[in-house]
Amino acid sequence: MLKIATKFAPHPAGFETAWQAGFRFAEFWLNGDWLQRVDDIIHQAKQYPLRYVPHLPNKHVQEITIQQTVQLYQQLDCQALVLHQPMMDLWGHELRAQCPGIRLAVENHILNEKEFWHWAESNPGLNLDVEHLWMFTLKDAPLARLEKTLVRFLENHSGRLNHVHLPGYVPGYEEHRPMYCSRELMFLVWDLLEQHAYAGFVVSEVDSAYQTPQDLRMDLLLFERWWTSRAAAGIQK
């Protein structure tokens, strides 16, 4: 079963808000400053019975950054490590050398269609960002075209799909809104992921303004509604 997750900076309020809203899976983003206190982050994270995925910093990565990230990944028994392509190109070999078996999840970003398929084919593990695919790659094409692209992607690359970013995107609106802002997209993507037996994180990657107990809980309620409807359909069959 796929796992709905939230994303936040690893400070005490972020953990507490996620937990109180009802999330049991979380991604947190990192930078050099956060990683200077990696022991504190690990201690804080262990106070909550959550499963985690960290996001490697997107810039200013050094050898010590890799060491600290691997420490966090191992001590929290993380499900995957998200990173962008430039960091994969520079540090992917070192990450795998320091942590054999690490489940890397390289994120698609501002790619045209040719670049998107190259990303999907060339990386050992993938983080599919559906918002980036729809906005940047397909340039806000009709939902039917996004569905066709997702079907092709999952049919060919679901075996290396380790993580998913799924904000509630609607063409013409701002990025990183809650899942409940785009229900049709959520139900489509969740259906497709379930059909391909995806069991990783699906992250409601929202801006800090939406990281409130009410907004986060509404995302979970939407997922529960979808899951209940799927379960009912299965019983009827």
Protein backbone atom coordinates (compact mmCIF):
# COMPACT_ATOMS: atom_id res chain seq x y z
CA MET A 1 0.00 0.00 0.00
CA LEU A 2 1.30 3.44 -0.87
CA LYS A 3 2.09 5.72 2.05
CA ILE A 4 0.94 9.34 2.26
CA ALA A 5 3.67 11.55 3.71
CA THR A 6 4.25 15.18 4.55
CA LYS A 7 7.43 17.23 4.13
CA PHE A 8 8.96 19.75 6.53
CA ALA A 9 12.17 21.21 7.86
CA PRO A 10 13.46 18.98 10.71
CA HIS A 11 12.71 21.30 13.61
CA PRO A 12 10.63 20.27 16.65
CA ALA A 13 7.48 22.07 15.51
CA GLY A 14 7.58 20.31 12.15
CA PHE A 15 7.65 16.86 13.72
CA GLU A 16 4.92 17.71 16.21
CA THR A 17 2.58 19.28 13.62
CA ALA A 18 2.94 16.28 11.30
CA TRP A 19 2.26 13.84 14.12
CA GLN A 20 -0.74 15.72 15.49
CA ALA A 21 -2.24 15.97 12.00
CA GLY A 22 -2.09 12.20 11.71
CA PHE A 23 0.87 11.58 9.42
CA ARG A 24 3.01 8.52 10.05
CA PHE A 25 5.44 9.05 7.17
CA ALA A 26 7.56 12.13 6.54
CA GLU A 27 10.22 13.60 4.27
CA PHE A 28 12.41 16.39 5.54
CA TRP A 29 14.63 18.71 3.61
CA LEU A 30 18.19 19.39 4.66
CA ASN A 31 20.86 22.03 4.22
CA GLY A 32 24.36 22.47 5.57
CA ASP A 33 23.16 24.32 8.65
CA TRP A 34 20.69 21.61 9.58
CA LEU A 35 23.27 18.89 9.09
CA GLN A 36 25.66 20.63 11.49
CA ARG A 37 23.28 19.40 14.18
CA VAL A 38 22.59 15.98 12.68
CA ASP A 39 22.72 14.28 16.10
CA ASP A 40 19.94 16.56 17.34
CA ILE A 41 17.82 15.80 14.27
CA ILE A 42 18.26 12.07 14.79
CA HIS A 43 17.35 12.37 18.46
CA GLN A 44 14.28 14.47 17.67
CA ALA A 45 13.14 12.15 14.88
CA LYS A 46 13.34 9.12 17.16
CA GLN A 47 10.85 10.71 19.54
CA TYR A 48 8.11 9.98 16.98
CA PRO A 49 7.16 6.58 15.52
CA LEU A 50 7.44 7.94 11.98
CA ARG A 51 9.21 6.49 8.95
CA TYR A 52 11.47 8.95 7.16
CA VAL A 53 12.96 9.98 3.85
CA PRO A 54 15.53 12.82 3.86
CA HIS A 55 16.25 15.18 0.96
CA LEU A 56 19.95 15.80 0.30
CA PRO A 57 20.83 19.53 0.10
CA ASN A 58 20.66 20.95 -3.42
CA LYS A 59 23.85 23.02 -3.11
CA HIS A 60 27.05 23.49 -1.12
CA VAL A 61 27.45 19.72 -0.69
CA GLN A 62 30.85 18.58 0.57
CA GLU A 63 32.33 15.33 1.82
CA ILE A 64 31.16 16.09 5.35
CA THR A 65 27.63 16.66 4.02
CA ILE A 66 27.61 13.17 2.54
CA GLN A 67 28.92 11.65 5.76
CA GLN A 68 26.29 13.41 7.86
CA THR A 69 23.49 12.46 5.47
CA VAL A 70 24.55 8.81 5.46
CA GLN A 71 24.67 8.87 9.27
CA LEU A 72 21.12 10.21 9.40
CA TYR A 73 19.92 7.75 6.74
CA GLN A 74 21.33 4.74 8.56
CA GLN A 75 20.39 5.67 12.11
CA LEU A 76 16.79 6.47 11.16
CA ASP A 77 16.49 3.42 8.90
CA CYS A 78 15.27 5.70 6.12
CA GLN A 79 13.19 4.43 3.22
CA ALA A 80 15.08 6.34 0.49
CA LEU A 81 17.22 9.42 -0.09
CA VAL A 82 15.91 12.13 -2.43
CA LEU A 83 18.42 14.15 -4.42
CA HIS A 84 18.53 16.27 -7.54
CA GLN A 85 20.37 15.24 -10.70
CA PRO A 86 23.40 17.54 -10.24
CA MET A 87 23.97 16.04 -6.78
CA MET A 88 23.53 12.54 -8.19
CA ASP A 89 26.12 13.23 -10.87
CA LEU A 90 28.59 14.64 -8.34
CA TRP A 91 27.97 12.46 -5.29
CA GLY A 92 26.01 9.39 -6.32
CA HIS A 93 29.09 7.15 -6.42
CA GLU A 94 30.25 8.35 -3.01
CA LEU A 95 26.83 7.84 -1.45
CA ARG A 96 26.72 4.26 -2.66
CA ALA A 97 30.30 3.67 -1.54
CA GLN A 98 29.58 4.91 1.99
CA CYS A 99 26.19 3.22 2.22
CA PRO A 100 25.92 0.13 0.00
CA GLY A 101 22.30 -0.64 -0.72
CA ILE A 102 21.10 2.94 -0.24
CA ARG A 103 17.82 3.55 -2.08
CA LEU A 104 18.47 6.69 -4.09
CA ALA A 105 15.55 8.65 -5.53
CA VAL A 106 16.69 11.17 -8.16
CA GLU A 107 14.09 13.86 -8.78
CA ASN A 108 12.91 15.14 -12.16
CA HIS A 109 12.98 18.93 -12.31
CA ILE A 110 12.88 21.37 -15.25
CA LEU A 111 13.10 18.88 -18.11
CA ASN A 112 11.69 18.77 -21.62
CA GLU A 113 10.12 15.50 -22.74
CA LYS A 114 13.30 14.05 -24.21
CA GLU A 115 15.22 14.94 -21.05
CA PHE A 116 12.46 13.47 -18.88
CA TRP A 117 12.69 10.06 -20.52
CA HIS A 118 16.47 10.17 -20.34
CA TRP A 119 16.20 10.92 -16.60
CA ALA A 120 13.85 7.97 -16.16
CA GLU A 121 16.09 5.58 -18.08
CA SER A 122 19.49 6.59 -16.75
CA ASN A 123 19.12 6.75 -12.96
CA PRO A 124 19.28 3.76 -10.59
CA GLY A 125 16.38 5.03 -8.47
CA LEU A 126 13.73 7.66 -9.16
CA ASN A 127 11.67 10.29 -7.35
CA LEU A 128 8.79 11.19 -9.64
CA ASP A 129 7.64 14.76 -9.03
CA VAL A 130 4.23 14.85 -10.70
CA GLU A 131 3.92 18.62 -10.37
CA HIS A 132 7.25 19.15 -12.16
CA LEU A 133 6.19 16.72 -14.88
CA TRP A 134 2.90 18.48 -15.50
CA MET A 135 4.14 22.06 -15.17
CA PHE A 136 7.63 21.98 -16.70
CA THR A 137 7.73 18.95 -18.97
CA LEU A 138 4.18 18.84 -20.31
CA LYS A 139 3.66 22.59 -19.91
CA ASP A 140 0.20 22.34 -18.34
CA ALA A 141 -1.17 19.99 -21.00
CA PRO A 142 -4.66 18.50 -20.49
CA LEU A 143 -4.98 15.98 -17.69
CA ALA A 144 -5.53 13.19 -20.22
CA ARG A 145 -2.06 13.74 -21.61
CA LEU A 146 -0.53 13.68 -18.15
CA GLU A 147 -2.33 10.39 -17.52
CA LYS A 148 -0.96 8.91 -20.74
CA THR A 149 2.58 9.96 -19.76
CA LEU A 150 2.21 8.53 -16.26
CA VAL A 151 0.94 5.22 -17.62
CA ARG A 152 3.93 4.96 -19.96
CA PHE A 153 6.32 5.90 -17.15
CA LEU A 154 4.92 3.36 -14.70
CA GLU A 155 4.76 0.58 -17.26
CA ASN A 156 8.45 1.01 -18.02
CA HIS A 157 10.05 2.36 -14.84
CA SER A 158 7.92 1.49 -11.78
CA GLY A 159 10.56 -1.03 -10.69
CA ARG A 160 12.97 1.82 -9.93
CA LEU A 161 10.40 4.24 -8.51
CA ASN A 162 11.49 4.81 -4.91
CA HIS A 163 9.61 7.99 -4.03
CA VAL A 164 6.86 10.34 -5.31
CA HIS A 165 6.21 14.06 -4.84
CA LEU A 166 2.54 14.91 -5.37
CA PRO A 167 1.43 18.42 -4.39
CA GLY A 168 -2.10 19.47 -5.30
CA TYR A 169 -1.19 21.15 -8.57
CA VAL A 170 -3.71 22.74 -10.92
CA PRO A 171 -2.46 24.45 -14.11
CA GLY A 172 -2.47 28.20 -13.74
CA TYR A 173 -2.11 28.15 -9.97
CA GLU A 174 0.96 28.37 -7.74
CA GLU A 175 3.14 25.39 -6.91
CA HIS A 176 3.22 23.34 -3.70
CA ARG A 177 -0.40 23.53 -2.66
CA PRO A 178 -2.06 20.80 -0.57
CA MET A 179 -3.33 17.61 -2.14
CA TYR A 180 -6.96 18.54 -1.47
CA CYS A 181 -6.61 21.45 -3.92
CA SER A 182 -6.46 18.99 -6.85
CA ARG A 183 -8.67 16.01 -6.06
CA GLU A 184 -9.01 14.77 -9.64
CA LEU A 185 -5.22 14.60 -9.96
CA MET A 186 -4.86 12.82 -6.62
CA PHE A 187 -7.40 10.12 -7.43
CA LEU A 188 -5.83 9.57 -10.86
CA VAL A 189 -2.27 9.24 -9.54
CA TRP A 190 -3.19 7.14 -6.52
CA ASP A 191 -5.15 4.76 -8.76
CA LEU A 192 -2.21 4.37 -11.14
CA LEU A 193 0.32 3.87 -8.35
CA GLU A 194 -1.86 1.24 -6.72
CA GLN A 195 -2.28 -0.59 -10.03
CA HIS A 196 1.52 -0.83 -10.28
CA ALA A 197 1.91 -2.03 -6.67
CA TYR A 198 3.85 1.05 -5.60
CA ALA A 199 4.44 0.89 -1.84
CA GLY A 200 6.67 3.91 -1.20
CA PHE A 201 6.02 7.44 0.03
CA VAL A 202 3.67 9.83 -1.78
CA VAL A 203 4.55 13.24 -0.40
CA SER A 204 2.17 16.15 -0.03
CA GLU A 205 4.98 18.62 -0.70
CA VAL A 206 3.43 21.91 0.39
CA ASP A 207 4.74 25.38 1.16
CA SER A 208 5.19 26.31 4.81
CA ALA A 209 2.02 28.45 4.76
CA TYR A 210 0.00 25.25 4.38
CA GLN A 211 1.84 23.27 7.03
CA THR A 212 -0.92 23.66 9.56
CA PRO A 213 -2.78 20.87 11.36
CA GLN A 214 -5.97 21.68 9.47
CA ASP A 215 -4.43 21.68 5.97
CA LEU A 216 -2.39 18.57 6.64
CA ARG A 217 -5.36 16.73 8.10
CA MET A 218 -7.48 17.59 5.06
CA ASP A 219 -4.91 15.86 2.84
CA LEU A 220 -5.12 12.74 4.98
CA LEU A 221 -8.91 12.83 4.95
CA LEU A 222 -8.87 12.99 1.16
CA PHE A 223 -6.61 9.97 1.01
CA GLU A 224 -8.81 8.09 3.47
CA ARG A 225 -11.83 8.88 1.30
CA TRP A 226 -10.04 7.50 -1.76
CA TRP A 227 -8.88 4.39 0.08
CA THR A 228 -12.36 3.71 1.45
CA SER A 229 -13.88 4.01 -2.02
CA ARG A 230 -11.26 1.62 -3.45
CA ALA A 231 -11.86 -0.88 -0.67
CA ALA A 232 -15.64 -0.68 -1.20
CA ALA A 233 -15.20 -1.24 -4.94
CA GLY A 234 -13.08 -4.29 -4.22
CA ILE A 235 -15.74 -5.75 -1.92
CA GLN A 236 -18.43 -5.19 -4.56
CA LYS A 237 -16.38 -7.10 -7.11
